[in-house]
């Protein structure tokens, strides 16, 4: 009985030894078996060195994102305001009457698309809402943004430097607000120190917000020396001018804000951003902190990113001082 046990143990030890030798031979022939899996093999790689542009192909269609009629606090009649903008070459119009929803039917003009919109003013700021049918009841800026977006609408902070206006902490807390009004033509006339909010835009972008900048006439008069019709435009890149497509372009940033300078195209090829215009004198490319990264002469300019910029936006300048603000292209290092 003991002999049988000893023989069994000998066979077991011999078998284990042969198995060990076989495994060793496999490892020698395949040394990678002992290496830990690489991060790429064990997890989805984190995207890096990418450029996120809101632009695609196609023409920009001229529009106005901020106008007022006598339905709200303006003096212009709705029907004649629509006609005035169509005669000035605009293809779409958003009337943002303060604390009032102006029926698109009142603005009906052949060749002009009307986007249902409203201006909402509170003790803490003015907001421009697009594709809405109700003005939110709110006691905080957060509630305004939530109320507009609950209607599948788009919301911008209007006149963000002019009282009443949210303070900076309130603005930076609205991480999902669609944008701010960076240029207001009526304020240029009435309150010029608060008309241009581009520096505020750069500050918010540098603090990590992803938001767009619109320009608005903010007219309250149809004609006469106080009218600001045609001073600005917000030109959307859409294949068809409909209220839904205009609203979607405002949401995605697929538009150019300007006060007279036009842009033909914004393209990204590899690491290079190119802006083409019909007649710009020069184009400036701007990044983190409002730093001017590069300035080019002529109607077309390009900038190659180095992936430290956080964002790159461009401004095209015409010889007479007119400008076009290109929306930021976001850079992921």
C-alpha atoms as a PDB file:
ATOM      1  CA  UNK A   1       0.000   0.000   0.000  1.00  0.00           C
ATOM      2  CA  UNK A   2       2.863   2.400   0.872  1.00  0.00           C
ATOM      3  CA  UNK A   3       4.599   1.489  -2.381  1.00  0.00           C
ATOM      4  CA  UNK A   4       1.505   2.444  -4.374  1.00  0.00           C
ATOM      5  CA  UNK A   5       1.342   5.812  -2.579  1.00  0.00           C
ATOM      6  CA  UNK A   6       5.014   6.562  -3.210  1.00  0.00           C
ATOM      7  CA  UNK A   7       4.633   5.704  -6.898  1.00  0.00           C
ATOM      8  CA  UNK A   8       1.579   7.974  -7.156  1.00  0.00           C
ATOM      9  CA  UNK A   9       3.485  10.866  -5.581  1.00  0.00           C
ATOM     10  CA  UNK A  10       6.393  10.355  -7.968  1.00  0.00           C
ATOM     11  CA  UNK A  11       4.103  10.414 -10.973  1.00  0.00           C
ATOM     12  CA  UNK A  12       2.384  13.612  -9.677  1.00  0.00           C
ATOM     13  CA  UNK A  13       5.673  15.445  -9.133  1.00  0.00           C
ATOM     14  CA  UNK A  14       6.923  14.350 -12.551  1.00  0.00           C
ATOM     15  CA  UNK A  15       3.705  15.533 -14.210  1.00  0.00           C
ATOM     16  CA  UNK A  16       3.873  18.938 -12.502  1.00  0.00           C
ATOM     17  CA  UNK A  17       7.500  19.301 -13.580  1.00  0.00           C
ATOM     18  CA  UNK A  18       6.666  18.534 -17.180  1.00  0.00           C
ATOM     19  CA  UNK A  19       3.758  21.021 -17.064  1.00  0.00           C
ATOM     20  CA  UNK A  20       6.062  23.713 -15.668  1.00  0.00           C
ATOM     21  CA  UNK A  21       8.594  23.102 -18.409  1.00  0.00           C
ATOM     22  CA  UNK A  22       5.867  23.363 -21.043  1.00  0.00           C
ATOM     23  CA  UNK A  23       4.617  26.670 -19.627  1.00  0.00           C
ATOM     24  CA  UNK A  24       8.135  28.059 -19.481  1.00  0.00           C
ATOM     25  CA  UNK A  25       8.645  27.157 -23.123  1.00  0.00           C
ATOM     26  CA  UNK A  26       5.418  28.951 -24.078  1.00  0.00           C
ATOM     27  CA  UNK A  27       6.502  32.111 -22.182  1.00  0.00           C
ATOM     28  CA  UNK A  28       9.969  32.049 -23.756  1.00  0.00           C
ATOM     29  CA  UNK A  29       8.418  31.907 -27.206  1.00  0.00           C
ATOM     30  CA  UNK A  30       5.744  34.538 -26.301  1.00  0.00           C
ATOM     31  CA  UNK A  31       7.274  37.049 -23.834  1.00  0.00           C
ATOM     32  CA  UNK A  32       4.415  39.511 -24.304  1.00  0.00           C
ATOM     33  CA  UNK A  33       2.194  37.202 -22.239  1.00  0.00           C
ATOM     34  CA  UNK A  34       3.835  38.477 -19.047  1.00  0.00           C
ATOM     35  CA  UNK A  35       3.395  42.184 -19.910  1.00  0.00           C
ATOM     36  CA  UNK A  36       0.377  44.062 -18.508  1.00  0.00           C
ATOM     37  CA  UNK A  37      -2.127  45.211 -21.132  1.00  0.00           C
ATOM     38  CA  UNK A  38      -1.481  48.686 -22.508  1.00  0.00           C
ATOM     39  CA  UNK A  39      -3.998  51.458 -21.646  1.00  0.00           C
ATOM     40  CA  UNK A  40      -5.134  51.501 -25.276  1.00  0.00           C
ATOM     41  CA  UNK A  41      -5.945  47.798 -25.103  1.00  0.00           C
ATOM     42  CA  UNK A  42      -7.776  47.968 -21.796  1.00  0.00           C
ATOM     43  CA  UNK A  43      -9.775  51.177 -22.209  1.00  0.00           C
ATOM     44  CA  UNK A  44     -11.144  53.512 -24.854  1.00  0.00           C
ATOM     45  CA  UNK A  45      -8.514  56.183 -25.576  1.00  0.00           C
ATOM     46  CA  UNK A  46      -9.341  59.696 -24.390  1.00  0.00           C
ATOM     47  CA  UNK A  47      -9.740  61.950 -27.449  1.00  0.00           C
ATOM     48  CA  UNK A  48      -6.906  64.427 -27.702  1.00  0.00           C
ATOM     49  CA  UNK A  49      -5.572  66.969 -30.155  1.00  0.00           C
ATOM     50  CA  UNK A  50      -8.951  67.559 -31.695  1.00  0.00           C
ATOM     51  CA  UNK A  51     -10.599  70.721 -32.979  1.00  0.00           C
ATOM     52  CA  UNK A  52     -14.344  71.224 -32.532  1.00  0.00           C
ATOM     53  CA  UNK A  53     -15.804  73.669 -35.044  1.00  0.00           C
ATOM     54  CA  UNK A  54     -19.460  74.713 -35.187  1.00  0.00           C
ATOM     55  CA  UNK A  55     -19.188  75.322 -38.926  1.00  0.00           C
ATOM     56  CA  UNK A  56     -19.847  73.132 -41.925  1.00  0.00           C
ATOM     57  CA  UNK A  57     -20.284  73.823 -45.609  1.00  0.00           C
ATOM     58  CA  UNK A  58     -22.805  76.162 -47.112  1.00  0.00           C
ATOM     59  CA  UNK A  59     -23.662  79.825 -47.355  1.00  0.00           C
ATOM     60  CA  UNK A  60     -24.532  82.122 -44.486  1.00  0.00           C
ATOM     61  CA  UNK A  61     -28.066  83.547 -44.525  1.00  0.00           C
ATOM     62  CA  UNK A  62     -28.502  87.053 -43.209  1.00  0.00           C
ATOM     63  CA  UNK A  63     -30.752  87.542 -40.198  1.00  0.00           C
ATOM     64  CA  UNK A  64     -31.577  89.763 -37.259  1.00  0.00           C
ATOM     65  CA  UNK A  65     -31.711  88.369 -33.725  1.00  0.00           C
ATOM     66  CA  UNK A  66     -32.802  91.416 -31.693  1.00  0.00           C
ATOM     67  CA  UNK A  67     -35.587  93.793 -32.665  1.00  0.00           C
ATOM     68  CA  UNK A  68     -38.604  95.337 -30.920  1.00  0.00           C
ATOM     69  CA  UNK A  69     -42.099  96.452 -31.889  1.00  0.00           C
ATOM     70  CA  UNK A  70     -44.967  98.275 -30.220  1.00  0.00           C
ATOM     71  CA  UNK A  71     -46.265  94.930 -28.991  1.00  0.00           C
ATOM     72  CA  UNK A  72     -43.595  95.368 -26.313  1.00  0.00           C
ATOM     73  CA  UNK A  73     -41.724  98.571 -25.507  1.00  0.00           C
ATOM     74  CA  UNK A  74     -40.758  99.502 -29.083  1.00  0.00           C
ATOM     75  CA  UNK A  75     -42.421 102.022 -31.343  1.00  0.00           C
ATOM     76  CA  UNK A  76     -42.319 100.204 -34.699  1.00  0.00           C
ATOM     77  CA  UNK A  77     -45.390  98.423 -36.014  1.00  0.00           C
ATOM     78  CA  UNK A  78     -44.804  94.689 -36.415  1.00  0.00           C
ATOM     79  CA  UNK A  79     -45.925  94.443 -40.047  1.00  0.00           C
ATOM     80  CA  UNK A  80     -43.858  97.397 -41.193  1.00  0.00           C
ATOM     81  CA  UNK A  81     -40.797  96.273 -39.225  1.00  0.00           C
ATOM     82  CA  UNK A  82     -40.855  92.952 -41.071  1.00  0.00           C
ATOM     83  CA  UNK A  83     -41.053  94.761 -44.401  1.00  0.00           C
ATOM     84  CA  UNK A  84     -38.199  97.080 -43.451  1.00  0.00           C
ATOM     85  CA  UNK A  85     -35.896  94.162 -42.682  1.00  0.00           C
ATOM     86  CA  UNK A  86     -36.805  92.317 -45.869  1.00  0.00           C
ATOM     87  CA  UNK A  87     -36.122  95.436 -47.926  1.00  0.00           C
ATOM     88  CA  UNK A  88     -32.724  95.673 -46.195  1.00  0.00           C
ATOM     89  CA  UNK A  89     -31.821  92.199 -47.452  1.00  0.00           C
ATOM     90  CA  UNK A  90     -32.559  90.102 -44.364  1.00  0.00           C
ATOM     91  CA  UNK A  91     -33.881  86.562 -44.774  1.00  0.00           C
ATOM     92  CA  UNK A  92     -34.985  85.913 -41.198  1.00  0.00           C
ATOM     93  CA  UNK A  93     -36.055  87.990 -38.222  1.00  0.00           C
ATOM     94  CA  UNK A  94     -36.503  87.376 -34.513  1.00  0.00           C
ATOM     95  CA  UNK A  95     -38.520  90.047 -32.736  1.00  0.00           C
ATOM     96  CA  UNK A  96     -37.587  89.972 -29.072  1.00  0.00           C
ATOM     97  CA  UNK A  97     -40.218  92.236 -27.568  1.00  0.00           C
ATOM     98  CA  UNK A  98     -39.653  92.719 -23.869  1.00  0.00           C
ATOM     99  CA  UNK A  99     -41.892  90.506 -21.781  1.00  0.00           C
ATOM    100  CA  UNK A 100     -44.162  89.807 -24.740  1.00  0.00           C
ATOM    101  CA  UNK A 101     -44.565  87.073 -27.333  1.00  0.00           C
ATOM    102  CA  UNK A 102     -45.161  88.731 -30.694  1.00  0.00           C
ATOM    103  CA  UNK A 103     -47.144  86.548 -33.056  1.00  0.00           C
ATOM    104  CA  UNK A 104     -45.175  85.672 -36.206  1.00  0.00           C
ATOM    105  CA  UNK A 105     -48.395  86.339 -38.133  1.00  0.00           C
ATOM    106  CA  UNK A 106     -48.076  90.050 -37.309  1.00  0.00           C
ATOM    107  CA  UNK A 107     -44.654  90.104 -38.939  1.00  0.00           C
ATOM    108  CA  UNK A 108     -45.572  88.052 -42.005  1.00  0.00           C
ATOM    109  CA  UNK A 109     -43.639  89.365 -45.006  1.00  0.00           C
ATOM    110  CA  UNK A 110     -42.988  87.531 -48.288  1.00  0.00           C
ATOM    111  CA  UNK A 111     -39.433  86.222 -48.348  1.00  0.00           C
ATOM    112  CA  UNK A 112     -38.848  86.753 -44.624  1.00  0.00           C
ATOM    113  CA  UNK A 113     -38.791  83.861 -42.121  1.00  0.00           C
ATOM    114  CA  UNK A 114     -39.952  84.811 -38.635  1.00  0.00           C
ATOM    115  CA  UNK A 115     -38.529  82.928 -35.620  1.00  0.00           C
ATOM    116  CA  UNK A 116     -40.888  82.927 -32.585  1.00  0.00           C
ATOM    117  CA  UNK A 117     -38.919  84.822 -29.978  1.00  0.00           C
ATOM    118  CA  UNK A 118     -39.136  87.019 -26.906  1.00  0.00           C
ATOM    119  CA  UNK A 119     -37.095  89.321 -24.753  1.00  0.00           C
ATOM    120  CA  UNK A 120     -37.451  88.754 -21.030  1.00  0.00           C
ATOM    121  CA  UNK A 121     -36.287  91.332 -18.533  1.00  0.00           C
ATOM    122  CA  UNK A 122     -35.922  90.744 -14.801  1.00  0.00           C
ATOM    123  CA  UNK A 123     -34.270  92.590 -11.945  1.00  0.00           C
ATOM    124  CA  UNK A 124     -31.173  90.478 -12.559  1.00  0.00           C
ATOM    125  CA  UNK A 125     -30.864  90.752 -16.343  1.00  0.00           C
ATOM    126  CA  UNK A 126     -32.279  90.677 -19.852  1.00  0.00           C
ATOM    127  CA  UNK A 127     -32.516  87.449 -21.846  1.00  0.00           C
ATOM    128  CA  UNK A 128     -33.197  86.777 -25.521  1.00  0.00           C
ATOM    129  CA  UNK A 129     -35.151  83.574 -26.094  1.00  0.00           C
ATOM    130  CA  UNK A 130     -35.684  81.873 -29.447  1.00  0.00           C
ATOM    131  CA  UNK A 131     -38.229  79.218 -30.461  1.00  0.00           C
ATOM    132  CA  UNK A 132     -40.390  79.810 -27.396  1.00  0.00           C
ATOM    133  CA  UNK A 133     -44.084  80.327 -26.803  1.00  0.00           C
ATOM    134  CA  UNK A 134     -43.932  81.406 -23.153  1.00  0.00           C
ATOM    135  CA  UNK A 135     -41.743  83.661 -21.010  1.00  0.00           C
ATOM    136  CA  UNK A 136     -40.432  81.865 -17.906  1.00  0.00           C
ATOM    137  CA  UNK A 137     -41.468  82.989 -14.449  1.00  0.00           C
ATOM    138  CA  UNK A 138     -38.128  83.232 -12.686  1.00  0.00           C
ATOM    139  CA  UNK A 139     -36.382  84.743  -9.703  1.00  0.00           C
ATOM    140  CA  UNK A 140     -32.872  83.668 -10.716  1.00  0.00           C
ATOM    141  CA  UNK A 141     -30.919  83.515 -14.002  1.00  0.00           C
ATOM    142  CA  UNK A 142     -30.771  79.728 -13.617  1.00  0.00           C
ATOM    143  CA  UNK A 143     -34.550  79.514 -13.724  1.00  0.00           C
ATOM    144  CA  UNK A 144     -34.676  81.585 -16.916  1.00  0.00           C
ATOM    145  CA  UNK A 145     -32.238  79.286 -18.711  1.00  0.00           C
ATOM    146  CA  UNK A 146     -34.058  76.187 -17.486  1.00  0.00           C
ATOM    147  CA  UNK A 147     -37.433  77.644 -18.463  1.00  0.00           C
ATOM    148  CA  UNK A 148     -36.376  78.435 -22.017  1.00  0.00           C
ATOM    149  CA  UNK A 149     -34.559  75.165 -22.581  1.00  0.00           C
ATOM    150  CA  UNK A 150     -37.537  73.218 -21.249  1.00  0.00           C
ATOM    151  CA  UNK A 151     -39.390  74.555 -24.318  1.00  0.00           C
ATOM    152  CA  UNK A 152     -36.564  73.338 -26.596  1.00  0.00           C
ATOM    153  CA  UNK A 153     -35.633  76.984 -26.948  1.00  0.00           C
ATOM    154  CA  UNK A 154     -32.299  78.762 -27.193  1.00  0.00           C
ATOM    155  CA  UNK A 155     -31.328  81.488 -24.712  1.00  0.00           C
ATOM    156  CA  UNK A 156     -28.746  84.273 -24.803  1.00  0.00           C
ATOM    157  CA  UNK A 157     -28.011  86.902 -22.186  1.00  0.00           C
ATOM    158  CA  UNK A 158     -28.890  90.213 -23.822  1.00  0.00           C
ATOM    159  CA  UNK A 159     -27.005  93.469 -23.195  1.00  0.00           C
ATOM    160  CA  UNK A 160     -24.859  91.758 -20.515  1.00  0.00           C
ATOM    161  CA  UNK A 161     -23.014  94.933 -19.480  1.00  0.00           C
ATOM    162  CA  UNK A 162     -26.048  97.222 -19.233  1.00  0.00           C
ATOM    163  CA  UNK A 163     -28.212  97.273 -16.119  1.00  0.00           C
ATOM    164  CA  UNK A 164     -30.025  95.184 -15.166  1.00  0.00           C
ATOM    165  CA  UNK A 165     -27.382  92.528 -15.782  1.00  0.00           C
ATOM    166  CA  UNK A 166     -26.237  89.333 -14.062  1.00  0.00           C
ATOM    167  CA  UNK A 167     -22.972  89.653 -12.159  1.00  0.00           C
ATOM    168  CA  UNK A 168     -19.971  87.651 -13.298  1.00  0.00           C
ATOM    169  CA  UNK A 169     -20.465  84.849 -10.764  1.00  0.00           C
ATOM    170  CA  UNK A 170     -24.039  84.408 -11.941  1.00  0.00           C
ATOM    171  CA  UNK A 171     -22.951  84.316 -15.568  1.00  0.00           C
ATOM    172  CA  UNK A 172     -20.165  81.794 -15.077  1.00  0.00           C
ATOM    173  CA  UNK A 173     -22.541  79.526 -13.150  1.00  0.00           C
ATOM    174  CA  UNK A 174     -24.798  79.244 -16.239  1.00  0.00           C
ATOM    175  CA  UNK A 175     -22.624  76.603 -17.859  1.00  0.00           C
ATOM    176  CA  UNK A 176     -25.317  75.619 -20.371  1.00  0.00           C
ATOM    177  CA  UNK A 177     -26.510  79.076 -21.452  1.00  0.00           C
ATOM    178  CA  UNK A 178     -26.269  79.265 -25.234  1.00  0.00           C
ATOM    179  CA  UNK A 179     -24.475  82.582 -25.376  1.00  0.00           C
ATOM    180  CA  UNK A 180     -24.382  86.322 -24.781  1.00  0.00           C
ATOM    181  CA  UNK A 181     -25.026  89.384 -26.886  1.00  0.00           C
ATOM    182  CA  UNK A 182     -21.561  90.713 -27.671  1.00  0.00           C
ATOM    183  CA  UNK A 183     -22.629  93.809 -29.630  1.00  0.00           C
ATOM    184  CA  UNK A 184     -25.786  95.927 -29.329  1.00  0.00           C
ATOM    185  CA  UNK A 185     -26.287  98.631 -31.967  1.00  0.00           C
ATOM    186  CA  UNK A 186     -28.772 100.698 -29.952  1.00  0.00           C
ATOM    187  CA  UNK A 187     -26.361 100.830 -27.026  1.00  0.00           C
ATOM    188  CA  UNK A 188     -23.673 102.153 -29.377  1.00  0.00           C
ATOM    189  CA  UNK A 189     -25.906 105.211 -29.706  1.00  0.00           C
ATOM    190  CA  UNK A 190     -27.408 105.411 -26.212  1.00  0.00           C
ATOM    191  CA  UNK A 191     -24.793 103.872 -23.895  1.00  0.00           C
ATOM    192  CA  UNK A 192     -21.589 103.192 -25.859  1.00  0.00           C
ATOM    193  CA  UNK A 193     -19.464 102.066 -22.902  1.00  0.00           C
ATOM    194  CA  UNK A 194     -21.768  99.055 -22.467  1.00  0.00           C
ATOM    195  CA  UNK A 195     -22.376  98.204 -26.134  1.00  0.00           C
ATOM    196  CA  UNK A 196     -19.413  95.894 -26.762  1.00  0.00           C
ATOM    197  CA  UNK A 197     -19.181  92.797 -24.532  1.00  0.00           C
ATOM    198  CA  UNK A 198     -16.452  90.951 -26.456  1.00  0.00           C
ATOM    199  CA  UNK A 199     -13.973  91.196 -23.555  1.00  0.00           C
ATOM    200  CA  UNK A 200     -16.573  89.602 -21.265  1.00  0.00           C
ATOM    201  CA  UNK A 201     -17.051  86.838 -23.842  1.00  0.00           C
ATOM    202  CA  UNK A 202     -13.316  86.089 -23.806  1.00  0.00           C
ATOM    203  CA  UNK A 203     -13.295  86.005 -20.016  1.00  0.00           C
ATOM    204  CA  UNK A 204     -16.136  83.483 -19.925  1.00  0.00           C
ATOM    205  CA  UNK A 205     -14.521  81.345 -22.639  1.00  0.00           C
ATOM    206  CA  UNK A 206     -11.219  81.408 -20.749  1.00  0.00           C
ATOM    207  CA  UNK A 207     -13.042  80.196 -17.637  1.00  0.00           C
ATOM    208  CA  UNK A 208     -14.082  77.112 -19.591  1.00  0.00           C
ATOM    209  CA  UNK A 209     -17.555  78.077 -20.775  1.00  0.00           C
ATOM    210  CA  UNK A 210     -18.613  77.082 -24.258  1.00  0.00           C
ATOM    211  CA  UNK A 211     -20.938  79.785 -25.473  1.00  0.00           C
ATOM    212  CA  UNK A 212     -21.621  81.833 -28.590  1.00  0.00           C
ATOM    213  CA  UNK A 213     -21.806  85.555 -29.284  1.00  0.00           C
ATOM    214  CA  UNK A 214     -24.605  87.285 -31.219  1.00  0.00           C
ATOM    215  CA  UNK A 215     -24.980  90.858 -32.428  1.00  0.00           C
ATOM    216  CA  UNK A 216     -28.289  92.729 -32.473  1.00  0.00           C
ATOM    217  CA  UNK A 217     -29.796  95.943 -33.787  1.00  0.00           C
ATOM    218  CA  UNK A 218     -32.043  96.168 -30.707  1.00  0.00           C
ATOM    219  CA  UNK A 219     -34.045  98.707 -32.684  1.00  0.00           C
ATOM    220  CA  UNK A 220     -37.155 100.266 -31.218  1.00  0.00           C
ATOM    221  CA  UNK A 221     -37.840 102.512 -34.225  1.00  0.00           C
ATOM    222  CA  UNK A 222     -38.679 101.542 -37.783  1.00  0.00           C
ATOM    223  CA  UNK A 223     -37.284 104.722 -39.327  1.00  0.00           C
ATOM    224  CA  UNK A 224     -35.732 108.063 -38.455  1.00  0.00           C
ATOM    225  CA  UNK A 225     -32.486 109.022 -36.675  1.00  0.00           C
ATOM    226  CA  UNK A 226     -33.185 106.682 -33.754  1.00  0.00           C
ATOM    227  CA  UNK A 227     -33.654 103.603 -35.918  1.00  0.00           C
ATOM    228  CA  UNK A 228     -30.823 101.067 -35.829  1.00  0.00           C
ATOM    229  CA  UNK A 229     -32.255  98.760 -38.508  1.00  0.00           C
ATOM    230  CA  UNK A 230     -29.483  97.159 -40.536  1.00  0.00           C
ATOM    231  CA  UNK A 231     -26.607  98.023 -38.198  1.00  0.00           C
ATOM    232  CA  UNK A 232     -25.919  94.363 -37.326  1.00  0.00           C
ATOM    233  CA  UNK A 233     -26.717  90.859 -38.478  1.00  0.00           C
ATOM    234  CA  UNK A 234     -26.522  87.296 -37.225  1.00  0.00           C
ATOM    235  CA  UNK A 235     -25.924  85.184 -40.319  1.00  0.00           C
ATOM    236  CA  UNK A 236     -26.767  81.501 -39.889  1.00  0.00           C
ATOM    237  CA  UNK A 237     -25.257  78.642 -41.878  1.00  0.00           C
ATOM    238  CA  UNK A 238     -28.319  76.647 -42.947  1.00  0.00           C
ATOM    239  CA  UNK A 239     -29.380  74.909 -46.138  1.00  0.00           C
ATOM    240  CA  UNK A 240     -32.910  76.253 -45.761  1.00  0.00           C
ATOM    241  CA  UNK A 241     -34.192  79.222 -43.764  1.00  0.00           C
ATOM    242  CA  UNK A 242     -36.863  77.842 -41.444  1.00  0.00           C
ATOM    243  CA  UNK A 243     -37.558  78.696 -37.790  1.00  0.00           C
ATOM    244  CA  UNK A 244     -36.323  75.281 -36.644  1.00  0.00           C
ATOM    245  CA  UNK A 245     -33.125  75.387 -38.682  1.00  0.00           C
ATOM    246  CA  UNK A 246     -32.337  78.953 -37.640  1.00  0.00           C
ATOM    247  CA  UNK A 247     -32.870  78.017 -33.991  1.00  0.00           C
ATOM    248  CA  UNK A 248     -30.657  74.963 -34.370  1.00  0.00           C
ATOM    249  CA  UNK A 249     -27.879  77.060 -35.925  1.00  0.00           C
ATOM    250  CA  UNK A 250     -28.081  79.499 -32.983  1.00  0.00           C
ATOM    251  CA  UNK A 251     -27.848  76.569 -30.589  1.00  0.00           C
ATOM    252  CA  UNK A 252     -24.800  75.042 -32.350  1.00  0.00           C
ATOM    253  CA  UNK A 253     -22.954  78.290 -33.001  1.00  0.00           C
ATOM    254  CA  UNK A 254     -23.190  77.891 -36.775  1.00  0.00           C
ATOM    255  CA  UNK A 255     -23.431  81.613 -37.439  1.00  0.00           C
ATOM    256  CA  UNK A 256     -21.459  84.822 -37.872  1.00  0.00           C
ATOM    257  CA  UNK A 257     -22.202  87.930 -35.811  1.00  0.00           C
ATOM    258  CA  UNK A 258     -21.334  91.195 -37.496  1.00  0.00           C
ATOM    259  CA  UNK A 259     -21.915  94.895 -37.886  1.00  0.00           C
ATOM    260  CA  UNK A 260     -21.292  95.152 -41.616  1.00  0.00           C
ATOM    261  CA  UNK A 261     -18.446  92.778 -42.500  1.00  0.00           C
ATOM    262  CA  UNK A 262     -19.494  89.500 -44.162  1.00  0.00           C
ATOM    263  CA  UNK A 263     -17.841  86.062 -44.013  1.00  0.00           C
ATOM    264  CA  UNK A 264     -17.935  83.547 -46.844  1.00  0.00           C
ATOM    265  CA  UNK A 265     -16.637  80.446 -45.064  1.00  0.00           C
ATOM    266  CA  UNK A 266     -14.893  79.069 -41.972  1.00  0.00           C
ATOM    267  CA  UNK A 267     -13.045  75.797 -42.512  1.00  0.00           C
ATOM    268  CA  UNK A 268     -10.802  73.477 -40.505  1.00  0.00           C
ATOM    269  CA  UNK A 269      -8.313  71.305 -42.403  1.00  0.00           C
ATOM    270  CA  UNK A 270      -6.012  69.293 -40.155  1.00  0.00           C
ATOM    271  CA  UNK A 271      -4.676  71.774 -37.588  1.00  0.00           C
ATOM    272  CA  UNK A 272      -5.414  74.881 -39.661  1.00  0.00           C
ATOM    273  CA  UNK A 273      -8.407  77.209 -39.355  1.00  0.00           C
ATOM    274  CA  UNK A 274      -9.161  79.370 -42.389  1.00  0.00           C
ATOM    275  CA  UNK A 275     -11.571  82.309 -42.573  1.00  0.00           C
ATOM    276  CA  UNK A 276     -12.583  83.678 -45.965  1.00  0.00           C
ATOM    277  CA  UNK A 277     -14.378  86.983 -46.506  1.00  0.00           C
ATOM    278  CA  UNK A 278     -15.272  89.058 -49.578  1.00  0.00           C
ATOM    279  CA  UNK A 279     -13.437  92.218 -48.581  1.00  0.00           C
ATOM    280  CA  UNK A 280     -11.786  92.177 -45.142  1.00  0.00           C
ATOM    281  CA  UNK A 281      -8.686  94.308 -44.710  1.00  0.00           C
ATOM    282  CA  UNK A 282      -7.264  91.984 -42.071  1.00  0.00           C
ATOM    283  CA  UNK A 283      -8.273  89.049 -39.862  1.00  0.00           C
ATOM    284  CA  UNK A 284      -7.233  88.505 -36.239  1.00  0.00           C
ATOM    285  CA  UNK A 285      -7.199  85.105 -34.541  1.00  0.00           C
ATOM    286  CA  UNK A 286      -7.784  85.238 -30.783  1.00  0.00           C
ATOM    287  CA  UNK A 287      -7.367  82.640 -28.036  1.00  0.00           C
ATOM    288  CA  UNK A 288      -7.263  82.080 -24.285  1.00  0.00           C
ATOM    289  CA  UNK A 289      -7.497  85.303 -22.290  1.00  0.00           C
ATOM    290  CA  UNK A 290      -8.307  87.359 -25.389  1.00  0.00           C
ATOM    291  CA  UNK A 291      -4.718  87.024 -26.649  1.00  0.00           C
ATOM    292  CA  UNK A 292      -4.211  87.924 -30.295  1.00  0.00           C
ATOM    293  CA  UNK A 293      -2.526  84.823 -31.703  1.00  0.00           C
ATOM    294  CA  UNK A 294      -2.019  85.995 -35.259  1.00  0.00           C
ATOM    295  CA  UNK A 295      -3.143  88.762 -37.594  1.00  0.00           C
ATOM    296  CA  UNK A 296      -3.235  88.312 -41.359  1.00  0.00           C
ATOM    297  CA  UNK A 297      -3.714  90.874 -44.110  1.00  0.00           C
ATOM    298  CA  UNK A 298      -6.275  90.536 -46.874  1.00  0.00           C
ATOM    299  CA  UNK A 299      -9.706  88.934 -47.215  1.00  0.00           C
ATOM    300  CA  UNK A 300      -8.576  85.390 -46.298  1.00  0.00           C
ATOM    301  CA  UNK A 301      -6.554  84.358 -43.270  1.00  0.00           C
ATOM    302  CA  UNK A 302      -5.367  81.129 -41.652  1.00  0.00           C
ATOM    303  CA  UNK A 303      -4.069  80.062 -38.277  1.00  0.00           C
ATOM    304  CA  UNK A 304      -2.469  76.736 -37.301  1.00  0.00           C
ATOM    305  CA  UNK A 305      -3.281  75.686 -33.741  1.00  0.00           C
ATOM    306  CA  UNK A 306      -0.653  74.470 -31.262  1.00  0.00           C
ATOM    307  CA  UNK A 307      -3.269  72.954 -28.889  1.00  0.00           C
ATOM    308  CA  UNK A 308      -2.554  75.299 -25.980  1.00  0.00           C
ATOM    309  CA  UNK A 309      -5.125  77.940 -27.006  1.00  0.00           C
ATOM    310  CA  UNK A 310      -8.277  76.428 -25.373  1.00  0.00           C
ATOM    311  CA  UNK A 311     -10.306  78.145 -28.090  1.00  0.00           C
ATOM    312  CA  UNK A 312      -9.660  80.107 -31.257  1.00  0.00           C
ATOM    313  CA  UNK A 313     -12.071  82.712 -32.543  1.00  0.00           C
ATOM    314  CA  UNK A 314     -11.543  85.199 -35.344  1.00  0.00           C
ATOM    315  CA  UNK A 315     -12.508  88.777 -36.089  1.00  0.00           C
ATOM    316  CA  UNK A 316     -12.570  90.062 -39.666  1.00  0.00           C
ATOM    317  CA  UNK A 317     -12.111  93.822 -40.070  1.00  0.00           C
ATOM    318  CA  UNK A 318     -13.176  95.874 -43.058  1.00  0.00           C
ATOM    319  CA  UNK A 319     -11.312  99.051 -44.010  1.00  0.00           C
ATOM    320  CA  UNK A 320     -14.193 101.216 -42.723  1.00  0.00           C
ATOM    321  CA  UNK A 321     -14.068  99.580 -39.281  1.00  0.00           C
ATOM    322  CA  UNK A 322     -16.950  97.158 -39.775  1.00  0.00           C
ATOM    323  CA  UNK A 323     -16.381  93.773 -38.132  1.00  0.00           C
ATOM    324  CA  UNK A 324     -17.493  90.153 -38.245  1.00  0.00           C
ATOM    325  CA  UNK A 325     -17.099  87.934 -35.181  1.00  0.00           C
ATOM    326  CA  UNK A 326     -16.466  84.263 -35.974  1.00  0.00           C
ATOM    327  CA  UNK A 327     -17.638  81.853 -33.276  1.00  0.00           C
ATOM    328  CA  UNK A 328     -14.983  80.011 -31.242  1.00  0.00           C
ATOM    329  CA  UNK A 329     -13.434  76.788 -32.425  1.00  0.00           C
ATOM    330  CA  UNK A 330     -12.607  74.725 -29.345  1.00  0.00           C
ATOM    331  CA  UNK A 331      -9.203  73.070 -29.062  1.00  0.00           C
ATOM    332  CA  UNK A 332      -8.706  69.853 -27.081  1.00  0.00           C
ATOM    333  CA  UNK A 333      -4.999  69.292 -26.198  1.00  0.00           C
END
